[in-house]
């Protein structure tokens, strides 16, 4: 699973990176909020670990920007801001968790595991969409009724976005903003083709078209 780490303290950044790698995570490190935002727009991440007081763009403003663009990635703030109001502001910005510095690395592991539990992701990066379908974030393998498929890059990114928003209606625009850099966004017809490819594997009933609005990934069949 891929994590973006935003922390401008070089030593702490290295310590956290080494620990996450020891836990078998793929880690991208950044020291600057604007750089982190650009990487998020360009790549696919399963988790964000964000310091708040960093150069260029604060972790709070970064997460707010993602939410405004309807980009939903689980996020943990790691910060020296300790007051109850600071914590409230962090959660209001859209964080899944809030970790106060200094902290034990084992606590970070516990909080990541809790988010995976809440999002129904197992320790190997596999998530059950329903009783018939499983998807692995690391290998991009999709298992449907005991048959395994390797998804192409684009289809896997779109499926991951559907999984994050399971049983919610998402529009073509939301899919575009969450999976492509702004100047590379394909046409709506192209995105529909990718969704058609996923339906061939998942089954038509797994992705429902909501006329005039968008699509919904179902788990109740």
N, C-alpha and C. Protein backbone atom coordinates (compact mmCIF):
# COMPACT_ATOMS: atom_id res chain seq x y z
N UNK A 1 0.85 -1.19 0.00
CA UNK A 1 0.00 0.00 0.00
C UNK A 1 0.88 1.24 0.00
N UNK A 2 0.40 2.28 -0.65
CA UNK A 2 1.23 3.46 -0.88
C UNK A 2 0.80 4.62 0.03
N UNK A 3 1.80 5.19 0.73
CA UNK A 3 1.55 6.28 1.67
C UNK A 3 2.34 7.51 1.24
N UNK A 4 1.70 8.68 1.29
CA UNK A 4 2.42 9.93 1.15
C UNK A 4 2.67 10.49 2.55
N UNK A 5 3.94 10.80 2.84
CA UNK A 5 4.34 11.36 4.13
C UNK A 5 4.79 12.80 3.91
N UNK A 6 4.10 13.74 4.56
CA UNK A 6 4.46 15.16 4.53
C UNK A 6 4.96 15.56 5.91
N UNK A 7 6.27 15.78 6.01
CA UNK A 7 6.89 16.15 7.28
C UNK A 7 8.17 16.92 6.97
N UNK A 8 8.26 18.18 7.43
CA UNK A 8 9.42 19.00 7.07
C UNK A 8 10.60 18.85 8.01
N UNK A 9 10.44 18.14 9.12
CA UNK A 9 11.57 17.81 9.98
C UNK A 9 12.29 16.62 9.33
N UNK A 10 13.49 16.87 8.80
CA UNK A 10 14.18 15.86 8.00
C UNK A 10 14.42 14.58 8.79
N UNK A 11 14.88 14.72 10.03
CA UNK A 11 15.16 13.53 10.83
C UNK A 11 13.90 12.73 11.12
N UNK A 12 12.83 13.41 11.54
CA UNK A 12 11.58 12.72 11.82
C UNK A 12 11.01 12.09 10.56
N UNK A 13 11.13 12.78 9.44
CA UNK A 13 10.68 12.25 8.16
C UNK A 13 11.38 10.92 7.88
N UNK A 14 12.68 10.89 8.06
CA UNK A 14 13.45 9.68 7.79
C UNK A 14 13.08 8.55 8.74
N UNK A 15 12.87 8.89 10.01
CA UNK A 15 12.52 7.87 11.00
C UNK A 15 11.17 7.23 10.65
N UNK A 16 10.18 8.08 10.35
CA UNK A 16 8.85 7.56 10.01
C UNK A 16 8.91 6.75 8.72
N UNK A 17 9.65 7.26 7.73
CA UNK A 17 9.76 6.54 6.46
C UNK A 17 10.35 5.15 6.67
N UNK A 18 11.45 5.05 7.41
CA UNK A 18 12.08 3.76 7.65
C UNK A 18 11.13 2.81 8.39
N UNK A 19 10.37 3.34 9.33
CA UNK A 19 9.45 2.49 10.09
C UNK A 19 8.33 1.98 9.18
N UNK A 20 7.77 2.85 8.36
CA UNK A 20 6.69 2.43 7.46
C UNK A 20 7.18 1.42 6.44
N UNK A 21 8.40 1.60 5.95
CA UNK A 21 8.96 0.63 5.01
C UNK A 21 9.12 -0.72 5.69
N UNK A 22 9.52 -0.71 6.97
CA UNK A 22 9.65 -1.97 7.72
C UNK A 22 8.31 -2.68 7.86
N UNK A 23 7.22 -1.90 7.77
CA UNK A 23 5.87 -2.48 7.83
C UNK A 23 5.35 -2.86 6.44
N UNK A 24 6.24 -2.77 5.44
CA UNK A 24 5.93 -3.17 4.06
C UNK A 24 5.07 -2.16 3.32
N UNK A 25 5.06 -0.89 3.76
CA UNK A 25 4.38 0.15 3.00
C UNK A 25 5.32 0.73 1.95
N UNK A 26 4.75 1.18 0.85
CA UNK A 26 5.48 1.95 -0.17
C UNK A 26 5.32 3.42 0.21
N UNK A 27 6.43 4.12 0.47
CA UNK A 27 6.36 5.46 1.04
C UNK A 27 6.94 6.50 0.08
N UNK A 28 6.20 7.58 -0.12
CA UNK A 28 6.69 8.75 -0.85
C UNK A 28 6.81 9.88 0.15
N UNK A 29 8.01 10.44 0.33
CA UNK A 29 8.23 11.48 1.33
C UNK A 29 8.28 12.86 0.68
N UNK A 30 7.69 13.84 1.37
CA UNK A 30 7.74 15.22 0.93
C UNK A 30 7.97 16.11 2.16
N UNK A 31 8.49 17.31 1.89
CA UNK A 31 8.81 18.25 2.96
C UNK A 31 8.05 19.56 2.81
N UNK A 32 7.30 19.68 1.74
CA UNK A 32 6.66 20.94 1.35
C UNK A 32 5.21 20.65 0.97
N UNK A 33 4.26 21.44 1.48
CA UNK A 33 2.85 21.17 1.25
C UNK A 33 2.43 21.25 -0.21
N UNK A 34 2.96 22.22 -0.94
CA UNK A 34 2.59 22.35 -2.35
C UNK A 34 3.12 21.17 -3.16
N UNK A 35 4.34 20.75 -2.85
CA UNK A 35 4.90 19.58 -3.52
C UNK A 35 4.04 18.34 -3.23
N UNK A 36 3.62 18.21 -1.98
CA UNK A 36 2.78 17.07 -1.61
C UNK A 36 1.47 17.07 -2.39
N UNK A 37 0.86 18.25 -2.51
CA UNK A 37 -0.40 18.36 -3.24
C UNK A 37 -0.22 17.94 -4.70
N UNK A 38 0.87 18.37 -5.31
CA UNK A 38 1.13 18.02 -6.70
C UNK A 38 1.33 16.51 -6.86
N UNK A 39 2.03 15.90 -5.90
CA UNK A 39 2.22 14.45 -5.98
C UNK A 39 0.91 13.71 -5.85
N UNK A 40 0.02 14.21 -5.00
CA UNK A 40 -1.28 13.56 -4.82
C UNK A 40 -2.11 13.63 -6.09
N UNK A 41 -2.03 14.77 -6.80
CA UNK A 41 -2.76 14.90 -8.05
C UNK A 41 -2.18 13.99 -9.14
N UNK A 42 -0.89 13.69 -9.03
CA UNK A 42 -0.21 12.92 -10.07
C UNK A 42 -0.21 11.42 -9.82
N UNK A 43 -0.31 11.00 -8.56
CA UNK A 43 -0.17 9.59 -8.21
C UNK A 43 -1.35 9.13 -7.36
N UNK A 44 -1.41 7.81 -7.17
CA UNK A 44 -2.48 7.22 -6.36
C UNK A 44 -1.91 6.79 -5.01
N UNK A 45 -2.54 7.26 -3.92
CA UNK A 45 -2.12 6.91 -2.57
C UNK A 45 -3.30 6.33 -1.79
N UNK A 46 -2.98 5.38 -0.88
CA UNK A 46 -4.02 4.79 -0.03
C UNK A 46 -4.11 5.50 1.32
N UNK A 47 -3.00 6.17 1.73
CA UNK A 47 -2.98 6.92 2.99
C UNK A 47 -2.18 8.20 2.83
N UNK A 48 -2.53 9.21 3.63
CA UNK A 48 -1.75 10.43 3.76
C UNK A 48 -1.39 10.61 5.23
N UNK A 49 -0.11 10.89 5.51
CA UNK A 49 0.34 11.25 6.85
C UNK A 49 0.88 12.66 6.74
N UNK A 50 0.22 13.63 7.40
CA UNK A 50 0.48 15.04 7.14
C UNK A 50 0.84 15.80 8.41
N UNK A 51 2.00 16.46 8.38
CA UNK A 51 2.29 17.47 9.38
C UNK A 51 1.45 18.70 9.00
N UNK A 52 1.13 19.53 9.98
CA UNK A 52 0.30 20.71 9.69
C UNK A 52 1.15 21.91 9.33
N UNK A 53 2.14 22.24 10.16
CA UNK A 53 2.96 23.43 9.92
C UNK A 53 4.15 23.09 9.04
N UNK A 54 3.93 23.16 7.73
CA UNK A 54 4.98 22.87 6.75
C UNK A 54 5.04 24.02 5.74
N UNK A 55 6.15 24.15 5.00
CA UNK A 55 6.28 25.26 4.04
C UNK A 55 5.26 25.21 2.91
N UNK A 56 5.00 26.39 2.34
CA UNK A 56 4.20 26.60 1.12
C UNK A 56 2.70 26.42 1.32
N UNK A 57 2.30 25.29 1.85
CA UNK A 57 0.88 24.99 2.03
C UNK A 57 0.75 24.11 3.27
N UNK A 58 -0.04 24.55 4.24
CA UNK A 58 -0.16 23.77 5.47
C UNK A 58 -0.88 22.45 5.21
N UNK A 59 -0.65 21.51 6.10
CA UNK A 59 -1.36 20.24 5.97
C UNK A 59 -2.87 20.41 6.02
N UNK A 60 -3.33 21.36 6.83
CA UNK A 60 -4.77 21.64 6.90
C UNK A 60 -5.30 22.12 5.56
N UNK A 61 -4.59 23.10 4.96
CA UNK A 61 -5.06 23.64 3.69
C UNK A 61 -4.95 22.62 2.57
N UNK A 62 -3.93 21.77 2.65
CA UNK A 62 -3.80 20.71 1.66
C UNK A 62 -5.01 19.79 1.70
N UNK A 63 -5.38 19.34 2.90
CA UNK A 63 -6.51 18.41 3.02
C UNK A 63 -7.82 19.09 2.63
N UNK A 64 -7.97 20.37 2.99
CA UNK A 64 -9.16 21.10 2.59
C UNK A 64 -9.26 21.19 1.07
N UNK A 65 -8.12 21.41 0.41
CA UNK A 65 -8.10 21.48 -1.05
C UNK A 65 -8.53 20.16 -1.67
N UNK A 66 -8.05 19.06 -1.10
CA UNK A 66 -8.45 17.74 -1.60
C UNK A 66 -9.95 17.54 -1.45
N UNK A 67 -10.48 17.89 -0.28
CA UNK A 67 -11.91 17.70 -0.04
C UNK A 67 -12.74 18.57 -0.98
N UNK A 68 -12.28 19.80 -1.24
CA UNK A 68 -12.99 20.69 -2.15
C UNK A 68 -13.03 20.12 -3.56
N UNK A 69 -11.97 19.37 -3.92
CA UNK A 69 -11.91 18.73 -5.23
C UNK A 69 -12.49 17.32 -5.20
N UNK A 70 -13.16 16.98 -4.08
CA UNK A 70 -13.83 15.70 -3.91
C UNK A 70 -12.86 14.53 -4.03
N UNK A 71 -11.63 14.74 -3.52
CA UNK A 71 -10.63 13.69 -3.47
C UNK A 71 -10.59 13.14 -2.04
N UNK A 72 -10.92 11.88 -1.90
CA UNK A 72 -11.06 11.28 -0.57
C UNK A 72 -9.97 10.23 -0.36
N UNK A 73 -8.95 10.59 0.43
CA UNK A 73 -7.89 9.66 0.79
C UNK A 73 -7.76 9.68 2.31
N UNK A 74 -7.75 8.53 2.98
CA UNK A 74 -7.60 8.53 4.44
C UNK A 74 -6.36 9.32 4.87
N UNK A 75 -6.52 10.20 5.87
CA UNK A 75 -5.43 11.09 6.28
C UNK A 75 -5.29 11.12 7.79
N UNK A 76 -4.03 11.10 8.23
CA UNK A 76 -3.70 11.26 9.65
C UNK A 76 -2.83 12.50 9.79
N UNK A 77 -3.22 13.41 10.68
CA UNK A 77 -2.36 14.55 11.00
C UNK A 77 -1.38 14.14 12.10
N UNK A 78 -0.10 14.47 11.92
CA UNK A 78 0.90 14.33 12.98
C UNK A 78 1.40 15.74 13.27
N UNK A 79 1.21 16.23 14.47
CA UNK A 79 1.46 17.65 14.71
C UNK A 79 1.77 17.93 16.18
N UNK A 80 2.46 19.04 16.40
CA UNK A 80 2.75 19.48 17.76
C UNK A 80 1.65 20.38 18.30
N UNK A 81 0.61 20.64 17.50
CA UNK A 81 -0.53 21.44 17.95
C UNK A 81 -1.41 20.55 18.83
N UNK A 82 -1.52 20.91 20.11
CA UNK A 82 -2.06 19.97 21.10
C UNK A 82 -3.43 20.33 21.67
N UNK A 83 -3.92 21.52 21.47
CA UNK A 83 -5.15 21.90 22.17
C UNK A 83 -6.36 21.18 21.60
N UNK A 84 -7.41 21.17 22.39
CA UNK A 84 -8.65 20.54 21.94
C UNK A 84 -9.18 21.22 20.68
N UNK A 85 -9.00 22.54 20.60
CA UNK A 85 -9.45 23.28 19.41
C UNK A 85 -8.63 22.88 18.19
N UNK A 86 -7.33 22.65 18.37
CA UNK A 86 -6.49 22.20 17.26
C UNK A 86 -6.99 20.86 16.72
N UNK A 87 -7.31 19.96 17.64
CA UNK A 87 -7.82 18.64 17.23
C UNK A 87 -9.14 18.80 16.48
N UNK A 88 -10.01 19.65 16.99
CA UNK A 88 -11.30 19.89 16.36
C UNK A 88 -11.12 20.42 14.94
N UNK A 89 -10.20 21.37 14.79
CA UNK A 89 -9.93 21.95 13.46
C UNK A 89 -9.42 20.88 12.51
N UNK A 90 -8.56 20.01 13.03
CA UNK A 90 -8.01 18.93 12.20
C UNK A 90 -9.09 18.00 11.67
N UNK A 91 -10.00 17.60 12.55
CA UNK A 91 -11.08 16.72 12.11
C UNK A 91 -12.06 17.46 11.20
N UNK A 92 -12.30 18.73 11.46
CA UNK A 92 -13.18 19.52 10.60
C UNK A 92 -12.62 19.63 9.19
N UNK A 93 -11.28 19.61 9.07
CA UNK A 93 -10.64 19.68 7.75
C UNK A 93 -10.79 18.39 6.97
N UNK A 94 -11.19 17.32 7.67
CA UNK A 94 -11.42 16.05 6.98
C UNK A 94 -10.50 14.92 7.37
N UNK A 95 -9.71 15.10 8.45
CA UNK A 95 -8.78 14.04 8.86
C UNK A 95 -9.53 12.82 9.40
N UNK A 96 -8.93 11.65 9.20
CA UNK A 96 -9.47 10.42 9.79
C UNK A 96 -8.94 10.22 11.20
N UNK A 97 -7.75 10.79 11.48
CA UNK A 97 -7.17 10.65 12.81
C UNK A 97 -6.20 11.79 13.05
N UNK A 98 -5.80 11.95 14.32
CA UNK A 98 -4.97 13.09 14.73
C UNK A 98 -3.99 12.59 15.78
N UNK A 99 -2.69 12.68 15.47
CA UNK A 99 -1.66 12.13 16.34
C UNK A 99 -0.75 13.26 16.83
N UNK A 100 -0.68 13.42 18.14
CA UNK A 100 0.08 14.52 18.71
C UNK A 100 1.55 14.14 18.91
N UNK A 101 2.44 15.02 18.48
CA UNK A 101 3.88 14.82 18.71
C UNK A 101 4.22 15.19 20.16
N UNK A 102 5.19 14.50 20.75
CA UNK A 102 5.87 13.30 20.24
C UNK A 102 4.98 12.07 20.41
N UNK A 103 5.22 11.07 19.58
CA UNK A 103 4.42 9.86 19.66
C UNK A 103 5.31 8.64 19.43
N UNK A 104 4.84 7.50 19.89
CA UNK A 104 5.52 6.24 19.64
C UNK A 104 5.15 5.76 18.24
N UNK A 105 6.11 5.21 17.53
CA UNK A 105 5.84 4.71 16.18
C UNK A 105 4.78 3.62 16.19
N UNK A 106 4.75 2.86 17.27
CA UNK A 106 3.74 1.81 17.38
C UNK A 106 2.33 2.39 17.42
N UNK A 107 2.21 3.63 17.92
CA UNK A 107 0.89 4.27 17.94
C UNK A 107 0.47 4.64 16.53
N UNK A 108 1.42 5.09 15.71
CA UNK A 108 1.11 5.37 14.31
C UNK A 108 0.64 4.10 13.61
N UNK A 109 1.32 3.00 13.86
CA UNK A 109 0.93 1.71 13.29
C UNK A 109 -0.50 1.35 13.70
N UNK A 110 -0.81 1.54 14.98
CA UNK A 110 -2.14 1.20 15.48
C UNK A 110 -3.22 2.04 14.81
N UNK A 111 -2.91 3.31 14.58
CA UNK A 111 -3.91 4.19 13.96
C UNK A 111 -4.10 3.85 12.48
N UNK A 112 -3.02 3.50 11.80
CA UNK A 112 -3.15 3.06 10.41
C UNK A 112 -3.98 1.78 10.34
N UNK A 113 -3.71 0.86 11.26
CA UNK A 113 -4.46 -0.40 11.27
C UNK A 113 -5.94 -0.16 11.57
N UNK A 114 -6.22 0.82 12.43
CA UNK A 114 -7.62 1.13 12.74
C UNK A 114 -8.35 1.67 11.52
N UNK A 115 -7.67 2.54 10.76
CA UNK A 115 -8.29 3.06 9.54
C UNK A 115 -8.53 1.93 8.55
N UNK A 116 -7.56 1.01 8.44
CA UNK A 116 -7.76 -0.12 7.53
C UNK A 116 -8.95 -0.97 7.98
N UNK A 117 -9.09 -1.12 9.29
CA UNK A 117 -10.23 -1.89 9.81
C UNK A 117 -11.54 -1.19 9.46
N UNK A 118 -11.58 0.12 9.67
CA UNK A 118 -12.80 0.87 9.38
C UNK A 118 -13.13 0.87 7.90
N UNK A 119 -12.09 0.84 7.07
CA UNK A 119 -12.29 0.85 5.61
C UNK A 119 -12.32 -0.56 5.04
N UNK A 120 -12.24 -1.56 5.91
CA UNK A 120 -12.32 -2.96 5.51
C UNK A 120 -11.17 -3.37 4.59
N UNK A 121 -9.94 -2.94 4.94
CA UNK A 121 -8.75 -3.30 4.19
C UNK A 121 -7.90 -4.21 5.07
N UNK A 122 -7.47 -5.37 4.57
CA UNK A 122 -6.70 -6.28 5.41
C UNK A 122 -5.22 -5.92 5.39
N UNK A 123 -4.42 -6.65 6.19
CA UNK A 123 -2.99 -6.32 6.35
C UNK A 123 -2.18 -6.54 5.08
N UNK A 124 -2.70 -7.30 4.15
CA UNK A 124 -2.01 -7.53 2.88
C UNK A 124 -2.49 -6.60 1.79
N UNK A 125 -3.33 -5.63 2.16
CA UNK A 125 -3.82 -4.67 1.17
C UNK A 125 -5.00 -5.16 0.38
N UNK A 126 -5.65 -6.23 0.85
CA UNK A 126 -6.81 -6.77 0.14
C UNK A 126 -8.09 -6.29 0.79
N UNK A 127 -9.02 -5.84 -0.01
CA UNK A 127 -10.31 -5.39 0.49
C UNK A 127 -11.42 -6.24 -0.14
N UNK A 128 -12.38 -6.62 0.66
CA UNK A 128 -13.53 -7.37 0.15
C UNK A 128 -14.61 -6.38 -0.28
N UNK A 129 -14.94 -6.39 -1.56
CA UNK A 129 -16.01 -5.54 -2.07
C UNK A 129 -17.36 -6.14 -1.68
N UNK A 130 -17.47 -7.43 -1.83
CA UNK A 130 -18.62 -8.18 -1.31
C UNK A 130 -18.17 -9.63 -1.14
N UNK A 131 -19.08 -10.54 -0.88
CA UNK A 131 -18.68 -11.92 -0.59
C UNK A 131 -18.11 -12.65 -1.80
N UNK A 132 -18.28 -12.06 -2.99
CA UNK A 132 -17.79 -12.70 -4.21
C UNK A 132 -16.54 -12.04 -4.78
N UNK A 133 -16.26 -10.81 -4.36
CA UNK A 133 -15.24 -10.00 -5.04
C UNK A 133 -14.23 -9.43 -4.05
N UNK A 134 -12.92 -9.60 -4.37
CA UNK A 134 -11.84 -9.04 -3.57
C UNK A 134 -10.88 -8.29 -4.50
N UNK A 135 -10.24 -7.26 -3.93
CA UNK A 135 -9.25 -6.49 -4.71
C UNK A 135 -8.03 -6.22 -3.85
N UNK A 136 -6.84 -6.40 -4.43
CA UNK A 136 -5.60 -6.13 -3.71
C UNK A 136 -4.94 -4.86 -4.26
N UNK A 137 -4.73 -3.87 -3.36
CA UNK A 137 -4.17 -2.58 -3.76
C UNK A 137 -2.73 -2.71 -4.27
N UNK A 138 -1.97 -3.63 -3.70
CA UNK A 138 -0.56 -3.73 -4.06
C UNK A 138 -0.34 -4.44 -5.39
N UNK A 139 -0.98 -5.57 -5.56
CA UNK A 139 -0.78 -6.37 -6.77
C UNK A 139 -1.70 -5.96 -7.91
N UNK A 140 -2.76 -5.18 -7.60
CA UNK A 140 -3.79 -4.80 -8.57
C UNK A 140 -4.55 -6.03 -9.08
N UNK A 141 -4.58 -7.07 -8.26
CA UNK A 141 -5.31 -8.28 -8.64
C UNK A 141 -6.75 -8.18 -8.14
N UNK A 142 -7.66 -8.51 -9.03
CA UNK A 142 -9.09 -8.52 -8.72
C UNK A 142 -9.58 -9.96 -8.80
N UNK A 143 -10.17 -10.42 -7.71
CA UNK A 143 -10.64 -11.81 -7.64
C UNK A 143 -12.16 -11.80 -7.64
N UNK A 144 -12.74 -12.43 -8.65
CA UNK A 144 -14.20 -12.49 -8.80
C UNK A 144 -14.63 -13.94 -8.92
N UNK A 145 -15.38 -14.42 -7.91
CA UNK A 145 -15.85 -15.81 -7.91
C UNK A 145 -14.70 -16.79 -8.15
N UNK A 146 -13.60 -16.58 -7.41
CA UNK A 146 -12.41 -17.45 -7.45
C UNK A 146 -11.59 -17.32 -8.73
N UNK A 147 -11.99 -16.45 -9.66
CA UNK A 147 -11.19 -16.20 -10.86
C UNK A 147 -10.44 -14.88 -10.67
N UNK A 148 -9.14 -14.86 -11.01
CA UNK A 148 -8.29 -13.70 -10.75
C UNK A 148 -7.96 -12.95 -12.03
N UNK A 149 -8.02 -11.63 -11.95
CA UNK A 149 -7.72 -10.75 -13.07
C UNK A 149 -6.67 -9.72 -12.64
N UNK A 150 -5.74 -9.39 -13.53
CA UNK A 150 -4.80 -8.30 -13.29
C UNK A 150 -5.33 -7.07 -14.01
N UNK A 151 -5.67 -6.03 -13.24
CA UNK A 151 -6.26 -4.84 -13.84
C UNK A 151 -5.20 -3.93 -14.44
N UNK A 152 -5.49 -3.33 -15.60
CA UNK A 152 -4.61 -2.29 -16.13
C UNK A 152 -4.59 -1.09 -15.17
N UNK A 153 -3.58 -0.24 -15.33
CA UNK A 153 -3.36 0.87 -14.40
C UNK A 153 -4.59 1.76 -14.24
N UNK A 154 -5.19 2.17 -15.36
CA UNK A 154 -6.31 3.13 -15.29
C UNK A 154 -7.53 2.49 -14.65
N UNK A 155 -7.87 1.28 -15.08
CA UNK A 155 -9.02 0.61 -14.49
C UNK A 155 -8.83 0.39 -12.99
N UNK A 156 -7.59 0.09 -12.57
CA UNK A 156 -7.36 -0.12 -11.14
C UNK A 156 -7.54 1.18 -10.37
N UNK A 157 -7.10 2.30 -10.93
CA UNK A 157 -7.26 3.59 -10.25
C UNK A 157 -8.74 3.95 -10.11
N UNK A 158 -9.50 3.70 -11.17
CA UNK A 158 -10.93 4.01 -11.11
C UNK A 158 -11.63 3.09 -10.11
N UNK A 159 -11.28 1.81 -10.12
CA UNK A 159 -11.89 0.89 -9.16
C UNK A 159 -11.56 1.31 -7.72
N UNK A 160 -10.32 1.73 -7.47
CA UNK A 160 -9.94 2.16 -6.12
C UNK A 160 -10.75 3.37 -5.68
N UNK A 161 -11.04 4.26 -6.62
CA UNK A 161 -11.87 5.41 -6.28
C UNK A 161 -13.30 4.98 -5.96
N UNK A 162 -13.82 4.03 -6.75
CA UNK A 162 -15.15 3.50 -6.45
C UNK A 162 -15.17 2.84 -5.07
N UNK A 163 -14.11 2.08 -4.73
CA UNK A 163 -14.06 1.40 -3.45
C UNK A 163 -14.09 2.40 -2.30
N UNK A 164 -13.34 3.50 -2.45
CA UNK A 164 -13.33 4.54 -1.41
C UNK A 164 -14.72 5.14 -1.22
N UNK A 165 -15.52 5.10 -2.28
CA UNK A 165 -16.85 5.72 -2.24
C UNK A 165 -17.95 4.69 -2.46
N UNK A 166 -17.72 3.48 -1.94
CA UNK A 166 -18.67 2.38 -2.14
C UNK A 166 -20.06 2.76 -1.65
N UNK A 167 -21.05 2.45 -2.47
CA UNK A 167 -22.46 2.74 -2.20
C UNK A 167 -22.78 4.25 -2.21
N UNK A 168 -21.84 5.06 -2.72
CA UNK A 168 -22.10 6.48 -2.93
C UNK A 168 -22.11 6.75 -4.44
N UNK A 169 -22.86 7.74 -4.84
CA UNK A 169 -22.90 8.12 -6.25
C UNK A 169 -21.73 9.05 -6.55
N UNK A 170 -20.95 8.72 -7.58
CA UNK A 170 -19.84 9.58 -7.99
C UNK A 170 -20.04 9.97 -9.45
N UNK A 171 -19.67 11.20 -9.76
CA UNK A 171 -19.84 11.71 -11.12
C UNK A 171 -18.60 11.46 -11.96
N UNK A 172 -18.75 11.64 -13.28
CA UNK A 172 -17.61 11.57 -14.20
C UNK A 172 -16.55 12.60 -13.78
N UNK A 173 -17.00 13.79 -13.38
CA UNK A 173 -16.06 14.84 -12.98
C UNK A 173 -15.25 14.42 -11.76
N UNK A 174 -15.90 13.82 -10.78
CA UNK A 174 -15.19 13.36 -9.58
C UNK A 174 -14.18 12.28 -9.92
N UNK A 175 -14.55 11.35 -10.78
CA UNK A 175 -13.63 10.30 -11.21
C UNK A 175 -12.42 10.92 -11.89
N UNK A 176 -12.66 11.92 -12.73
CA UNK A 176 -11.57 12.59 -13.45
C UNK A 176 -10.62 13.28 -12.50
N UNK A 177 -11.15 14.08 -11.58
CA UNK A 177 -10.32 14.86 -10.66
C UNK A 177 -9.50 13.98 -9.74
N UNK A 178 -10.00 12.79 -9.46
CA UNK A 178 -9.31 11.91 -8.53
C UNK A 178 -8.31 10.97 -9.20
N UNK A 179 -8.26 10.97 -10.52
CA UNK A 179 -7.41 9.98 -11.19
C UNK A 179 -6.51 10.53 -12.27
N UNK A 180 -6.64 11.81 -12.60
CA UNK A 180 -5.80 12.39 -13.63
C UNK A 180 -5.30 13.77 -13.23
N UNK A 181 -4.10 14.11 -13.71
CA UNK A 181 -3.63 15.48 -13.60
C UNK A 181 -4.53 16.33 -14.49
N UNK A 182 -4.75 17.59 -14.08
CA UNK A 182 -5.73 18.44 -14.75
C UNK A 182 -5.55 18.50 -16.27
N UNK A 183 -4.31 18.62 -16.74
CA UNK A 183 -4.12 18.78 -18.18
C UNK A 183 -4.11 17.46 -18.94
N UNK A 184 -4.40 16.35 -18.26
CA UNK A 184 -4.42 15.05 -18.90
C UNK A 184 -5.78 14.36 -18.79
N UNK A 185 -6.78 15.08 -18.30
CA UNK A 185 -8.10 14.47 -18.09
C UNK A 185 -8.70 14.03 -19.43
N UNK A 186 -9.10 12.76 -19.55
CA UNK A 186 -9.70 12.26 -20.79
C UNK A 186 -11.15 12.71 -20.93
N UNK A 187 -11.72 12.41 -22.06
CA UNK A 187 -13.12 12.76 -22.29
C UNK A 187 -14.03 11.87 -21.44
N UNK A 188 -15.26 12.33 -21.28
CA UNK A 188 -16.24 11.54 -20.53
C UNK A 188 -16.46 10.19 -21.20
N UNK A 189 -16.43 10.19 -22.54
CA UNK A 189 -16.64 8.93 -23.27
C UNK A 189 -15.53 7.93 -22.98
N UNK A 190 -14.31 8.42 -22.84
CA UNK A 190 -13.18 7.53 -22.54
C UNK A 190 -13.34 6.93 -21.14
N UNK A 191 -13.76 7.75 -20.19
CA UNK A 191 -13.96 7.24 -18.83
C UNK A 191 -15.07 6.20 -18.81
N UNK A 192 -16.12 6.43 -19.58
CA UNK A 192 -17.20 5.44 -19.65
C UNK A 192 -16.68 4.12 -20.21
N UNK A 193 -15.72 4.18 -21.12
CA UNK A 193 -15.13 2.97 -21.67
C UNK A 193 -14.39 2.19 -20.59
N UNK A 194 -13.64 2.90 -19.74
CA UNK A 194 -12.94 2.23 -18.63
C UNK A 194 -13.95 1.57 -17.69
N UNK A 195 -15.04 2.26 -17.42
CA UNK A 195 -16.07 1.70 -16.54
C UNK A 195 -16.71 0.47 -17.19
N UNK A 196 -16.91 0.54 -18.50
CA UNK A 196 -17.44 -0.61 -19.23
C UNK A 196 -16.51 -1.81 -19.10
N UNK A 197 -15.19 -1.56 -19.17
CA UNK A 197 -14.21 -2.64 -19.01
C UNK A 197 -14.31 -3.27 -17.63
N UNK A 198 -14.50 -2.44 -16.60
CA UNK A 198 -14.65 -2.97 -15.24
C UNK A 198 -15.92 -3.81 -15.12
N UNK A 199 -16.98 -3.35 -15.75
CA UNK A 199 -18.25 -4.10 -15.66
C UNK A 199 -18.14 -5.48 -16.29
N UNK A 200 -17.31 -5.60 -17.32
CA UNK A 200 -17.13 -6.89 -17.96
C UNK A 200 -16.57 -7.92 -16.98
N UNK A 201 -15.78 -7.44 -16.02
CA UNK A 201 -15.17 -8.32 -15.03
C UNK A 201 -16.05 -8.46 -13.79
N UNK A 202 -16.52 -7.33 -13.29
CA UNK A 202 -17.28 -7.32 -12.04
C UNK A 202 -18.72 -7.79 -12.20
N UNK A 203 -19.26 -7.56 -13.39
CA UNK A 203 -20.68 -7.79 -13.62
C UNK A 203 -21.42 -6.47 -13.65
N UNK A 204 -22.42 -6.36 -14.51
CA UNK A 204 -23.14 -5.09 -14.68
C UNK A 204 -23.80 -4.62 -13.39
N UNK A 205 -24.24 -5.57 -12.57
CA UNK A 205 -24.97 -5.20 -11.36
C UNK A 205 -24.06 -4.59 -10.29
N UNK A 206 -22.73 -4.73 -10.46
CA UNK A 206 -21.80 -4.22 -9.45
C UNK A 206 -21.64 -2.70 -9.54
N UNK A 207 -21.68 -2.17 -10.76
CA UNK A 207 -21.58 -0.72 -10.95
C UNK A 207 -22.88 -0.24 -11.60
N UNK A 208 -23.64 0.52 -10.84
CA UNK A 208 -24.95 1.00 -11.30
C UNK A 208 -24.82 2.40 -11.90
N UNK A 209 -25.48 2.62 -13.03
CA UNK A 209 -25.55 3.96 -13.62
C UNK A 209 -26.73 4.70 -13.02
N UNK A 210 -26.47 5.88 -12.47
CA UNK A 210 -27.54 6.74 -11.96
C UNK A 210 -27.73 7.83 -13.01
N UNK A 211 -28.79 7.72 -13.77
CA UNK A 211 -28.97 8.56 -14.95
C UNK A 211 -28.86 10.04 -14.62
N UNK A 212 -28.01 10.72 -15.38
CA UNK A 212 -27.85 12.17 -15.24
C UNK A 212 -26.98 12.59 -14.07
N UNK A 213 -26.50 11.61 -13.27
CA UNK A 213 -25.71 11.95 -12.08
C UNK A 213 -24.33 11.29 -12.11
N UNK A 214 -24.30 9.96 -12.24
CA UNK A 214 -23.01 9.28 -12.23
C UNK A 214 -23.15 7.79 -12.03
N UNK A 215 -22.25 7.22 -11.22
CA UNK A 215 -22.18 5.78 -11.04
C UNK A 215 -22.06 5.44 -9.55
N UNK A 216 -22.40 4.19 -9.22
CA UNK A 216 -22.31 3.74 -7.84
C UNK A 216 -21.82 2.30 -7.81
N UNK A 217 -20.79 2.05 -6.97
CA UNK A 217 -20.32 0.69 -6.75
C UNK A 217 -21.16 0.06 -5.64
N UNK A 218 -21.78 -1.08 -5.95
CA UNK A 218 -22.67 -1.74 -5.01
C UNK A 218 -21.96 -2.92 -4.34
N UNK A 219 -22.32 -3.19 -3.10
CA UNK A 219 -21.80 -4.38 -2.42
C UNK A 219 -22.93 -5.32 -1.96
N UNK A 220 -24.15 -4.99 -2.33
CA UNK A 220 -25.31 -5.73 -1.81
C UNK A 220 -25.89 -6.67 -2.85
N UNK A 221 -25.03 -7.48 -3.46
CA UNK A 221 -25.55 -8.48 -4.40
C UNK A 221 -24.68 -9.73 -4.29
